[in-house]
Amino acid sequence: MSMRRGKRIVWAMAIGSAIGAADAAASVVAMRSLVLTDPSIAHLYTFEGATTADRQLDKVGSLNLSVSSYGSGTSISYSTGFDGTTTAFFPGVTATSGTALKSGSTTLSTTLTIEALIRPDGSVGAANQYAVSSGGSPTRGYFLLQREGDLKTGVGSGAFSDGAALRDYASNYVTGNWYYVVGTFTTSGSNTVFNSWVANLSAPAPTLVQTNTNAAITGNFATSANLGIGMFDSGATEAFKGGIDEVAIYNTALSTAAVTRHFYALTRPSQVIYREIFPNDDGVDAALGETGWKVNVGSTGASAPTYTGSSPITDPRLSFANGVPTTAEPINSFPANAELVRGFMFDNDTSATPHLLWTNEVNVNLSDYLITKINWQQYTNASNAVRVALLIDGVWYASDATFTQTGSFALKSLDLLSATWRSLSFTENTVLSLGSSTTLTGTTLQGIGFYVDNPTDRLRFDTVEIEAISLVPTPAALPAGLTLLGAHLMRRRR
């Protein structure tokens, strides 16, 4: 019995694995992609690059770093960061000397956020060892340091003591563990209001904890200052023993919601939130429209004819032939029995004119999900170059990257955390044209598809997936591995 024409909405379901691969881990790169979209980001130090000079660059501003030493000095180093995918900076430090990084003079906002990934390895020599600081006159920013087994902050001039001038991010940190640390500072007059969040990323189940809420610190920090990364800048002393993976500085106080989203991107896995498998066990081809997908062709984006069974073989359709056998369930897409293995999306085109195969049956709130990958199975008779197409807030985009595959179906994936894009002008029966380089912007993913510049032979696609990291809390009532998707992503009713 065919399940192909059944319709149902799945409101709560297991988020499945990607086709042909286990769920991808969340990463520093995923968090970084959110950081870069924040309009208040002023400086970002990732320590990535092919050369030492590249690693010292400010990735969003122009406040680049340089090496600074005290005592006899000792070499800094760069090594694997928190999740194994990025590079961390390790200051050189002994009991009497050290080497780290500092900036030239800059103007700091009176309200700012310091966000960092650090690995405190315990004190050596100086009682205070600085991960992030600012040296200014007459007051200084001791934004993040390790001191006597604690992660602390402080502002003011000259010496300080626990209490009014210092606050704890975290007490009794675990030496050698990686920590996600965020502090917001709002200074007014001779006082500063401090908020902080900390998570031990090396713990079996990392938890984000707000450790200070509107805490008062007696003192302030000068807005005209140099930055010290891995040391205290004024006098270039007291280097940090341990690793520093990322440092982001914002010209505003990040909200709890923003900090939480960054933490989720850093620690949650990327999982499948949409999967369409194009099932068809009827023994005959069927209209592609039954799946919610469409095909538009030519410079005017004309609607391709609907396959009726007696129409030409060239018409796009849902094939009944074997595609890529799968027992994976569809997710928020055309539902069917998971045992169905036949069927794929088919377009036998030889017109050498632009083609767009697409659906607008996705609806993803991009504040709730960080999309990481588009996966699909592809098989074309000729070396047709296929681009991923996305519809965001009514605007179409096509990937710079192109994908070819001949001879048989093969898994293809586009990494959205590193992808670059071109504009795609498309209005049904009016225009279809690939444009120039652009940047993805918007709040809602409304459609996905595949754009082919000039296909010269058959196009076949199967098992299309969207992978994403959830940036919203998982309801406690649901079992592990489940989440409610209905409020955030659903297949639109026709």
Protein backbone atom coordinates (compact mmCIF):
# COMPACT_ATOMS: atom_id res chain seq x y z
CA MET A 1 0.00 0.00 0.00
CA SER A 2 1.39 3.37 -0.98
CA MET A 3 2.13 5.93 1.72
CA ARG A 4 3.31 8.48 -0.82
CA ARG A 5 0.21 10.65 -0.79
CA GLY A 6 -0.34 10.61 2.96
CA LYS A 7 0.03 13.88 4.84
CA ARG A 8 0.86 14.45 8.51
CA ILE A 9 2.81 16.92 10.64
CA VAL A 10 5.31 15.54 13.15
CA TRP A 11 5.36 17.86 16.17
CA ALA A 12 7.90 16.07 18.39
CA MET A 13 10.47 13.64 17.14
CA ALA A 14 13.98 12.36 17.53
CA ILE A 15 16.45 14.50 15.67
CA GLY A 16 18.20 12.00 13.45
CA SER A 17 21.73 11.49 12.25
CA ALA A 18 22.95 12.92 8.99
CA ILE A 19 22.91 10.61 5.98
CA GLY A 20 26.01 8.50 5.87
CA ALA A 21 27.59 10.08 8.96
CA ALA A 22 27.24 10.48 12.69
CA ASP A 23 26.06 13.76 14.15
CA ALA A 24 28.73 16.42 13.88
CA ALA A 25 30.06 17.97 17.06
CA ALA A 26 29.45 21.60 17.82
CA SER A 27 32.59 23.68 17.69
CA VAL A 28 34.47 26.88 18.29
CA VAL A 29 33.88 27.64 14.61
CA ALA A 30 30.10 27.41 15.14
CA MET A 31 30.26 29.84 18.05
CA ARG A 32 32.52 32.12 16.04
CA SER A 33 29.93 32.30 13.26
CA LEU A 34 27.46 33.79 15.77
CA VAL A 35 30.07 36.16 17.20
CA LEU A 36 30.75 37.56 13.73
CA THR A 37 27.07 38.39 13.19
CA ASP A 38 26.83 40.52 16.33
CA PRO A 39 26.81 44.21 15.32
CA SER A 40 28.58 45.20 18.55
CA ILE A 41 31.67 43.02 18.02
CA ALA A 42 34.69 45.33 18.11
CA HIS A 43 37.71 43.00 18.28
CA LEU A 44 38.16 39.27 17.71
CA TYR A 45 41.33 37.29 18.28
CA THR A 46 41.14 33.69 17.02
CA PHE A 47 44.90 33.02 16.76
CA GLU A 48 44.29 31.30 13.41
CA GLY A 49 46.58 31.80 10.45
CA ALA A 50 49.38 30.42 8.36
CA THR A 51 51.98 32.75 9.86
CA THR A 52 52.70 34.27 13.27
CA ALA A 53 51.66 37.68 11.92
CA ASP A 54 48.31 36.24 10.77
CA ARG A 55 47.69 34.75 14.20
CA GLN A 56 48.13 38.13 15.85
CA LEU A 57 45.55 39.90 13.65
CA ASP A 58 42.32 41.40 14.93
CA LYS A 59 39.85 39.51 12.74
CA VAL A 60 37.13 42.18 12.77
CA GLY A 61 38.93 45.42 13.65
CA SER A 62 42.39 46.88 13.20
CA LEU A 63 43.73 46.49 16.75
CA ASN A 64 46.41 43.94 15.91
CA LEU A 65 48.69 42.39 18.51
CA SER A 66 52.46 42.22 18.88
CA VAL A 67 54.80 40.19 21.06
CA SER A 68 55.83 41.67 24.42
CA SER A 69 58.23 40.23 27.00
CA TYR A 70 59.46 40.90 30.52
CA GLY A 71 62.40 39.48 32.46
CA SER A 72 64.57 37.36 30.23
CA GLY A 73 61.52 36.44 28.18
CA THR A 74 60.46 33.02 26.95
CA SER A 75 58.84 31.86 23.73
CA ILE A 76 55.10 31.86 23.18
CA SER A 77 53.56 28.92 21.31
CA TYR A 78 50.48 28.03 19.29
CA SER A 79 48.84 24.63 19.57
CA THR A 80 45.52 22.81 19.30
CA GLY A 81 42.63 24.59 20.98
CA PHE A 82 39.59 23.45 22.94
CA ASP A 83 37.83 21.22 20.42
CA GLY A 84 40.76 20.14 18.27
CA THR A 85 39.64 22.19 15.26
CA THR A 86 41.14 25.58 16.16
CA THR A 87 44.43 27.06 17.30
CA ALA A 88 45.07 28.35 20.83
CA PHE A 89 47.72 30.78 22.01
CA PHE A 90 49.96 29.78 24.94
CA PRO A 91 51.98 32.58 26.57
CA GLY A 92 55.54 31.82 27.60
CA VAL A 93 55.88 32.04 31.38
CA THR A 94 58.37 31.16 34.12
CA ALA A 95 58.59 32.29 37.73
CA THR A 96 60.48 35.45 36.74
CA SER A 97 59.81 36.07 33.05
CA GLY A 98 57.14 35.87 30.43
CA THR A 99 56.10 36.63 26.87
CA ALA A 100 52.60 37.29 25.54
CA LEU A 101 50.71 39.69 23.25
CA LYS A 102 49.68 43.33 23.51
CA SER A 103 48.00 45.94 21.34
CA GLY A 104 48.62 49.57 20.62
CA SER A 105 46.46 52.27 22.16
CA THR A 106 42.71 52.06 21.63
CA THR A 107 39.51 53.56 22.97
CA LEU A 108 37.37 51.16 24.98
CA SER A 109 33.63 51.55 25.37
CA THR A 110 32.41 52.37 28.88
CA THR A 111 30.15 49.33 28.43
CA LEU A 112 31.84 46.24 27.06
CA THR A 113 31.87 42.44 27.08
CA ILE A 114 34.90 40.18 27.28
CA GLU A 115 34.25 36.65 25.96
CA ALA A 116 37.03 34.07 26.03
CA LEU A 117 37.92 30.39 25.91
CA ILE A 118 40.78 29.75 28.31
CA ARG A 119 42.65 26.84 29.87
CA PRO A 120 44.17 27.95 33.21
CA ASP A 121 47.12 25.75 34.04
CA GLY A 122 47.82 27.09 37.53
CA SER A 123 49.91 29.96 38.85
CA VAL A 124 53.64 30.25 38.34
CA GLY A 125 55.51 33.15 39.85
CA ALA A 126 53.16 36.16 39.99
CA ALA A 127 50.05 35.88 42.12
CA ASN A 128 47.99 37.46 39.32
CA GLN A 129 48.19 36.04 35.82
CA TYR A 130 46.19 37.89 33.19
CA ALA A 131 44.29 36.40 30.24
CA VAL A 132 42.73 39.75 29.21
CA SER A 133 43.63 43.17 30.59
CA SER A 134 43.87 46.84 29.72
CA GLY A 135 46.55 49.21 30.94
CA GLY A 136 45.50 52.83 31.12
CA SER A 137 45.84 55.96 33.18
CA PRO A 138 44.78 56.45 35.88
CA THR A 139 42.77 53.22 36.06
CA ARG A 140 43.09 49.72 34.60
CA GLY A 141 40.97 46.81 33.50
CA TYR A 142 41.90 43.50 35.09
CA PHE A 143 39.22 41.85 32.99
CA LEU A 144 40.13 38.16 33.33
CA LEU A 145 42.92 36.60 35.41
CA GLN A 146 43.79 33.53 37.42
CA ARG A 147 44.77 34.13 41.03
CA GLU A 148 45.30 31.57 43.79
CA GLY A 149 43.14 28.91 42.12
CA ASP A 150 40.28 31.23 41.14
CA LEU A 151 39.25 33.04 37.96
CA LYS A 152 38.78 36.68 38.88
CA THR A 153 38.15 40.16 37.54
CA GLY A 154 38.75 43.66 38.80
CA VAL A 155 39.10 47.31 37.81
CA GLY A 156 40.80 50.27 39.43
CA SER A 157 44.20 51.78 40.03
CA GLY A 158 47.25 50.27 41.65
CA ALA A 159 46.98 47.36 44.05
CA PHE A 160 43.68 45.68 44.72
CA SER A 161 42.30 43.15 47.19
CA ASP A 162 39.48 40.62 47.28
CA GLY A 163 36.06 42.14 47.87
CA ALA A 164 35.31 45.61 46.55
CA ALA A 165 37.96 45.63 43.82
CA LEU A 166 37.83 41.95 42.79
CA ARG A 167 35.05 39.55 41.87
CA ASP A 168 35.18 35.83 41.13
CA TYR A 169 34.18 34.36 37.80
CA ALA A 170 34.76 30.93 39.28
CA SER A 171 36.34 29.64 42.49
CA ASN A 172 38.58 26.59 42.59
CA TYR A 173 38.87 26.01 38.86
CA VAL A 174 40.20 22.67 37.64
CA THR A 175 43.74 23.08 36.37
CA GLY A 176 44.08 22.04 32.73
CA ASN A 177 40.34 22.24 31.95
CA TRP A 178 38.96 24.49 29.23
CA TYR A 179 36.50 27.18 30.34
CA TYR A 180 34.04 29.41 28.51
CA VAL A 181 34.11 32.75 30.36
CA VAL A 182 32.04 35.89 29.70
CA GLY A 183 32.12 39.14 31.64
CA THR A 184 30.18 42.37 31.01
CA PHE A 185 31.42 45.67 32.44
CA THR A 186 29.52 48.95 32.66
CA THR A 187 31.56 51.73 34.24
CA SER A 188 30.14 55.03 35.45
CA GLY A 189 32.01 57.47 37.60
CA SER A 190 34.10 55.53 40.08
CA ASN A 191 32.04 52.33 39.98
CA THR A 192 31.55 49.38 37.63
CA VAL A 193 28.64 46.93 37.33
CA PHE A 194 29.76 43.38 36.50
CA ASN A 195 27.91 40.30 35.17
CA SER A 196 29.58 36.98 34.47
CA TRP A 197 28.92 33.50 33.10
CA VAL A 198 31.22 30.47 33.28
CA ALA A 199 31.13 26.92 31.95
CA ASN A 200 33.69 24.15 32.45
CA LEU A 201 33.88 22.84 28.89
CA SER A 202 35.99 19.85 29.93
CA ALA A 203 33.28 18.55 32.27
CA PRO A 204 31.27 15.50 31.07
CA ALA A 205 28.14 17.66 30.72
CA PRO A 206 29.13 21.33 30.54
CA THR A 207 26.66 23.72 32.19
CA LEU A 208 26.55 27.48 31.78
CA VAL A 209 26.23 29.25 35.14
CA GLN A 210 25.72 32.95 35.74
CA THR A 211 28.12 33.65 38.59
CA ASN A 212 27.57 37.41 39.01
CA THR A 213 24.43 39.46 38.47
CA ASN A 214 24.81 43.24 38.54
CA ALA A 215 27.66 42.96 41.02
CA ALA A 216 29.18 46.26 42.10
CA ILE A 217 32.94 46.78 41.83
CA THR A 218 34.48 49.86 43.40
CA GLY A 219 36.62 51.32 40.65
CA ASN A 220 36.57 51.79 36.90
CA PHE A 221 38.77 51.29 33.86
CA ALA A 222 40.25 53.92 31.58
CA THR A 223 38.71 54.04 28.12
CA SER A 224 42.03 55.03 26.56
CA ALA A 225 44.28 52.01 26.97
CA ASN A 226 46.33 49.21 25.48
CA LEU A 227 45.09 45.61 25.59
CA GLY A 228 47.09 42.76 27.03
CA ILE A 229 46.22 39.25 25.80
CA GLY A 230 47.94 36.71 28.01
CA MET A 231 49.59 39.33 30.23
CA PHE A 232 49.05 42.64 32.03
CA ASP A 233 49.88 45.28 29.46
CA SER A 234 51.02 48.18 31.62
CA GLY A 235 54.63 47.22 32.24
CA ALA A 236 54.13 43.93 30.32
CA THR A 237 54.17 41.62 33.34
CA GLU A 238 52.34 38.72 34.94
CA ALA A 239 51.85 36.42 31.97
CA PHE A 240 49.05 33.85 31.94
CA LYS A 241 50.03 30.20 32.33
CA GLY A 242 47.74 28.18 30.08
CA GLY A 243 45.94 28.42 26.76
CA ILE A 244 43.72 31.11 25.23
CA ASP A 245 41.60 29.90 22.31
CA GLU A 246 39.36 32.88 21.47
CA VAL A 247 38.98 36.43 22.77
CA ALA A 248 36.03 38.56 21.63
CA ILE A 249 35.44 42.13 22.80
CA TYR A 250 32.06 43.81 22.27
CA ASN A 251 31.06 47.46 22.62
CA THR A 252 27.96 46.52 24.59
CA ALA A 253 26.89 44.20 27.40
CA LEU A 254 25.79 40.87 25.94
CA SER A 255 22.46 39.64 27.27
CA THR A 256 21.94 36.31 28.99
CA ALA A 257 20.12 35.12 25.87
CA ALA A 258 23.07 36.00 23.61
CA VAL A 259 25.60 34.34 25.92
CA THR A 260 23.43 31.23 26.10
CA ARG A 261 23.15 31.02 22.31
CA HIS A 262 26.94 31.20 22.01
CA PHE A 263 27.31 28.48 24.63
CA TYR A 264 24.86 26.21 22.80
CA ALA A 265 26.71 26.73 19.52
CA LEU A 266 29.94 25.82 21.28
CA THR A 267 28.71 22.68 23.05
CA ARG A 268 25.69 21.21 21.26
CA PRO A 269 25.91 18.78 18.34
CA SER A 270 24.77 19.66 14.86
CA GLN A 271 21.81 17.42 14.03
CA VAL A 272 19.29 16.89 11.25
CA ILE A 273 16.18 19.07 11.58
CA TYR A 274 14.81 18.47 8.06
CA ARG A 275 15.01 15.40 5.87
CA GLU A 276 13.16 14.61 2.65
CA ILE A 277 13.61 11.12 1.15
CA PHE A 278 11.28 11.35 -1.93
CA PRO A 279 9.59 7.94 -1.40
CA ASN A 280 7.58 6.40 -4.24
CA ASP A 281 6.60 2.72 -4.17
CA ASP A 282 3.71 2.92 -6.68
CA GLY A 283 5.67 1.51 -9.59
CA VAL A 284 5.07 4.61 -11.74
CA ASP A 285 6.52 8.07 -11.92
CA ALA A 286 4.47 10.85 -10.35
CA ALA A 287 4.20 14.62 -10.42
CA LEU A 288 7.04 16.29 -8.59
CA GLY A 289 4.57 18.74 -7.08
CA GLU A 290 3.27 15.99 -4.80
CA THR A 291 6.49 16.38 -2.80
CA GLY A 292 6.18 20.17 -2.59
CA TRP A 293 9.16 20.73 -4.91
CA LYS A 294 9.07 22.78 -8.12
CA VAL A 295 11.28 23.37 -11.16
CA ASN A 296 11.71 26.72 -12.91
CA VAL A 297 13.82 27.20 -16.02
CA GLY A 298 15.36 29.78 -18.31
CA SER A 299 16.14 33.45 -17.82
CA THR A 300 12.48 34.15 -17.07
CA GLY A 301 12.19 31.40 -14.45
CA ALA A 302 9.33 29.76 -16.34
CA SER A 303 7.46 26.98 -14.53
CA ALA A 304 8.39 23.57 -15.90
CA PRO A 305 5.46 21.42 -17.16
CA THR A 306 3.77 19.15 -14.64
CA TYR A 307 4.35 15.45 -15.25
CA THR A 308 1.06 13.64 -15.90
CA GLY A 309 2.23 10.20 -17.02
CA SER A 310 1.53 10.90 -20.67
CA SER A 311 3.64 14.05 -20.83
CA PRO A 312 7.13 14.02 -22.38
CA ILE A 313 9.88 12.15 -20.64
CA THR A 314 11.72 15.45 -20.28
CA ASP A 315 9.28 16.78 -17.64
CA PRO A 316 10.56 16.91 -14.02
CA ARG A 317 8.96 14.29 -11.79
CA LEU A 318 9.14 12.03 -8.75
CA SER A 319 10.77 8.89 -10.10
CA PHE A 320 9.71 5.44 -8.84
CA ALA A 321 13.13 3.94 -9.62
CA ASN A 322 15.57 3.06 -6.86
CA GLY A 323 17.37 6.11 -5.55
CA VAL A 324 19.52 5.79 -2.44
CA PRO A 325 18.16 3.08 -0.16
CA THR A 326 17.50 4.44 3.32
CA THR A 327 15.63 3.48 6.43
CA ALA A 328 15.92 7.01 7.80
CA GLU A 329 12.67 8.70 8.75
CA PRO A 330 11.65 11.91 7.01
CA ILE A 331 11.86 14.88 9.38
CA ASN A 332 9.57 17.89 8.98
CA SER A 333 9.11 17.02 5.32
CA PHE A 334 7.04 14.76 3.08
CA PRO A 335 6.20 11.87 5.47
CA ALA A 336 6.12 8.21 4.54
CA ASN A 337 6.86 4.70 5.74
CA ALA A 338 10.55 4.50 6.60
CA GLU A 339 10.82 1.15 4.82
CA LEU A 340 10.26 2.75 1.42
CA VAL A 341 13.53 2.92 -0.51
CA ARG A 342 12.37 3.80 -4.01
CA GLY A 343 12.09 7.24 -5.51
CA PHE A 344 14.14 10.36 -6.15
CA MET A 345 13.68 13.84 -7.61
CA PHE A 346 14.33 13.70 -11.35
CA ASP A 347 14.77 16.32 -14.08
CA ASN A 348 15.77 15.08 -17.53
CA ASP A 349 16.90 18.39 -18.94
CA THR A 350 19.15 18.99 -21.96
CA SER A 351 18.23 22.62 -22.65
CA ALA A 352 21.46 24.20 -21.38
CA THR A 353 19.48 26.97 -19.69
CA PRO A 354 19.36 27.86 -15.97
CA HIS A 355 17.35 25.48 -13.80
CA LEU A 356 16.19 25.87 -10.19
CA LEU A 357 14.76 22.86 -8.34
CA TRP A 358 13.32 24.14 -5.05
CA THR A 359 10.80 23.93 -2.25
CA ASN A 360 9.42 26.56 0.12
CA GLU A 361 8.21 23.93 2.58
CA VAL A 362 10.77 24.79 5.25
CA ASN A 363 10.40 27.49 7.87
CA VAL A 364 13.41 27.84 10.16
CA ASN A 365 13.79 30.67 12.67
CA LEU A 366 17.49 31.51 12.41
CA SER A 367 17.51 32.92 15.93
CA ASP A 368 16.55 29.45 17.20
CA TYR A 369 18.77 27.36 14.92
CA LEU A 370 22.29 27.80 13.60
CA ILE A 371 22.28 25.98 10.26
CA THR A 372 25.56 24.16 9.77
CA LYS A 373 25.17 21.91 6.71
CA ILE A 374 23.02 21.01 3.74
CA ASN A 375 23.41 17.31 2.77
CA TRP A 376 22.01 15.54 -0.26
CA GLN A 377 22.55 12.66 -2.68
CA GLN A 378 23.36 13.71 -6.26
CA TYR A 379 23.71 11.88 -9.58
CA THR A 380 23.94 13.61 -12.96
CA ASN A 381 24.65 12.08 -16.37
CA ALA A 382 26.90 14.98 -17.34
CA SER A 383 29.29 17.11 -15.32
CA ASN A 384 26.59 19.61 -14.45
CA ALA A 385 27.72 22.07 -11.77
CA VAL A 386 25.10 22.23 -9.01
CA ARG A 387 24.84 25.04 -6.45
CA VAL A 388 22.86 25.01 -3.20
CA ALA A 389 20.14 27.67 -3.16
CA LEU A 390 18.59 29.21 -0.02
CA LEU A 391 15.57 31.49 0.37
CA ILE A 392 15.94 33.80 3.39
CA ASP A 393 13.40 36.53 4.16
CA GLY A 394 12.16 36.46 0.56
CA VAL A 395 15.66 36.72 -0.99
CA TRP A 396 17.38 33.89 -2.85
CA TYR A 397 21.09 33.06 -2.59
CA ALA A 398 23.25 30.48 -4.42
CA SER A 399 26.48 28.98 -3.10
CA ASP A 400 29.80 29.89 -4.66
CA ALA A 401 30.73 26.24 -4.31
CA THR A 402 29.54 23.90 -7.08
CA PHE A 403 29.10 20.12 -6.97
CA THR A 404 29.39 17.56 -9.76
CA GLN A 405 28.76 13.82 -9.74
CA THR A 406 28.45 11.30 -12.58
CA GLY A 407 28.01 7.55 -12.75
CA SER A 408 26.03 6.94 -9.55
CA PHE A 409 24.54 8.66 -6.53
CA ALA A 410 27.02 10.13 -4.05
CA LEU A 411 26.69 12.12 -0.83
CA LYS A 412 27.33 15.86 -1.13
CA SER A 413 27.52 18.41 1.69
CA LEU A 414 27.82 22.18 1.92
CA ASP A 415 29.32 23.54 5.14
CA LEU A 416 27.36 26.71 5.86
CA LEU A 417 29.78 27.86 8.55
CA SER A 418 32.42 28.49 5.89
CA ALA A 419 30.37 28.83 2.67
CA THR A 420 30.41 31.96 0.53
CA TRP A 421 27.45 33.13 -1.53
CA ARG A 422 26.17 34.83 -4.64
CA SER A 423 22.88 36.59 -5.16
CA LEU A 424 20.21 34.70 -7.11
CA SER A 425 17.47 36.76 -8.73
CA PHE A 426 14.37 34.59 -8.94
CA THR A 427 10.69 35.36 -9.37
CA GLU A 428 8.51 32.64 -10.87
CA ASN A 429 7.81 33.23 -14.57
CA THR A 430 9.72 36.55 -14.45
CA VAL A 431 13.45 36.14 -13.84
CA LEU A 432 16.09 33.54 -12.95
CA SER A 433 19.64 34.88 -12.93
CA LEU A 434 22.82 34.21 -10.96
CA GLY A 435 24.39 37.38 -9.56
CA SER A 436 27.55 38.56 -7.83
CA SER A 437 29.10 37.85 -4.43
CA THR A 438 27.02 38.75 -1.40
CA THR A 439 26.50 37.92 2.28
CA LEU A 440 23.66 35.90 3.82
CA THR A 441 21.40 38.04 5.97
CA GLY A 442 17.95 37.58 7.45
CA THR A 443 15.97 35.90 10.18
CA THR A 444 13.98 33.06 8.56
CA LEU A 445 14.97 30.30 6.15
CA GLN A 446 11.94 29.87 3.89
CA GLY A 447 13.19 27.61 1.13
CA ILE A 448 16.02 25.43 -0.16
CA GLY A 449 16.91 24.12 -3.58
CA PHE A 450 19.51 23.44 -6.24
CA TYR A 451 20.54 25.84 -8.98
CA VAL A 452 22.21 24.56 -12.16
CA ASP A 453 23.65 27.10 -14.60
CA ASN A 454 23.30 25.17 -17.86
CA PRO A 455 22.36 21.50 -17.42
CA THR A 456 23.05 19.33 -20.45
CA ASP A 457 21.69 16.00 -19.20
CA ARG A 458 19.72 14.30 -16.42
CA LEU A 459 19.63 15.66 -12.87
CA ARG A 460 18.83 13.37 -9.95
CA PHE A 461 18.60 14.30 -6.27
CA ASP A 462 17.68 12.23 -3.23
CA THR A 463 17.59 12.43 0.59
CA VAL A 464 17.94 16.18 1.16
CA GLU A 465 18.80 17.25 4.71
CA ILE A 466 19.32 20.38 6.76
CA GLU A 467 21.64 20.11 9.77
CA ALA A 468 21.57 22.70 12.56
CA ILE A 469 22.47 23.42 16.15
CA SER A 470 19.52 24.24 18.38
CA LEU A 471 20.01 27.56 20.16
CA VAL A 472 16.96 27.27 22.39
CA PRO A 473 16.54 25.36 25.68
CA THR A 474 15.32 21.79 25.31
CA PRO A 475 12.08 21.21 27.26
CA ALA A 476 12.91 19.18 30.35
CA ALA A 477 9.83 16.98 29.91
CA LEU A 478 11.13 15.44 26.67
CA PRO A 479 13.47 12.42 26.70
CA ALA A 480 17.10 12.94 25.81
CA GLY A 481 17.56 13.38 22.08
CA LEU A 482 14.09 14.81 21.51
CA THR A 483 13.02 18.38 20.95
CA LEU A 484 9.84 20.18 20.04
CA LEU A 485 10.23 21.51 16.52
CA GLY A 486 6.70 22.58 15.73
CA ALA A 487 7.06 26.11 17.01
CA HIS A 488 10.34 26.68 15.20
CA LEU A 489 10.37 24.58 12.05
CA MET A 490 7.41 22.95 10.33
CA ARG A 491 6.39 21.78 6.92
CA ARG A 492 3.90 24.24 5.53
CA ARG A 493 0.41 22.98 4.80
CA ARG A 494 -0.82 23.19 1.24
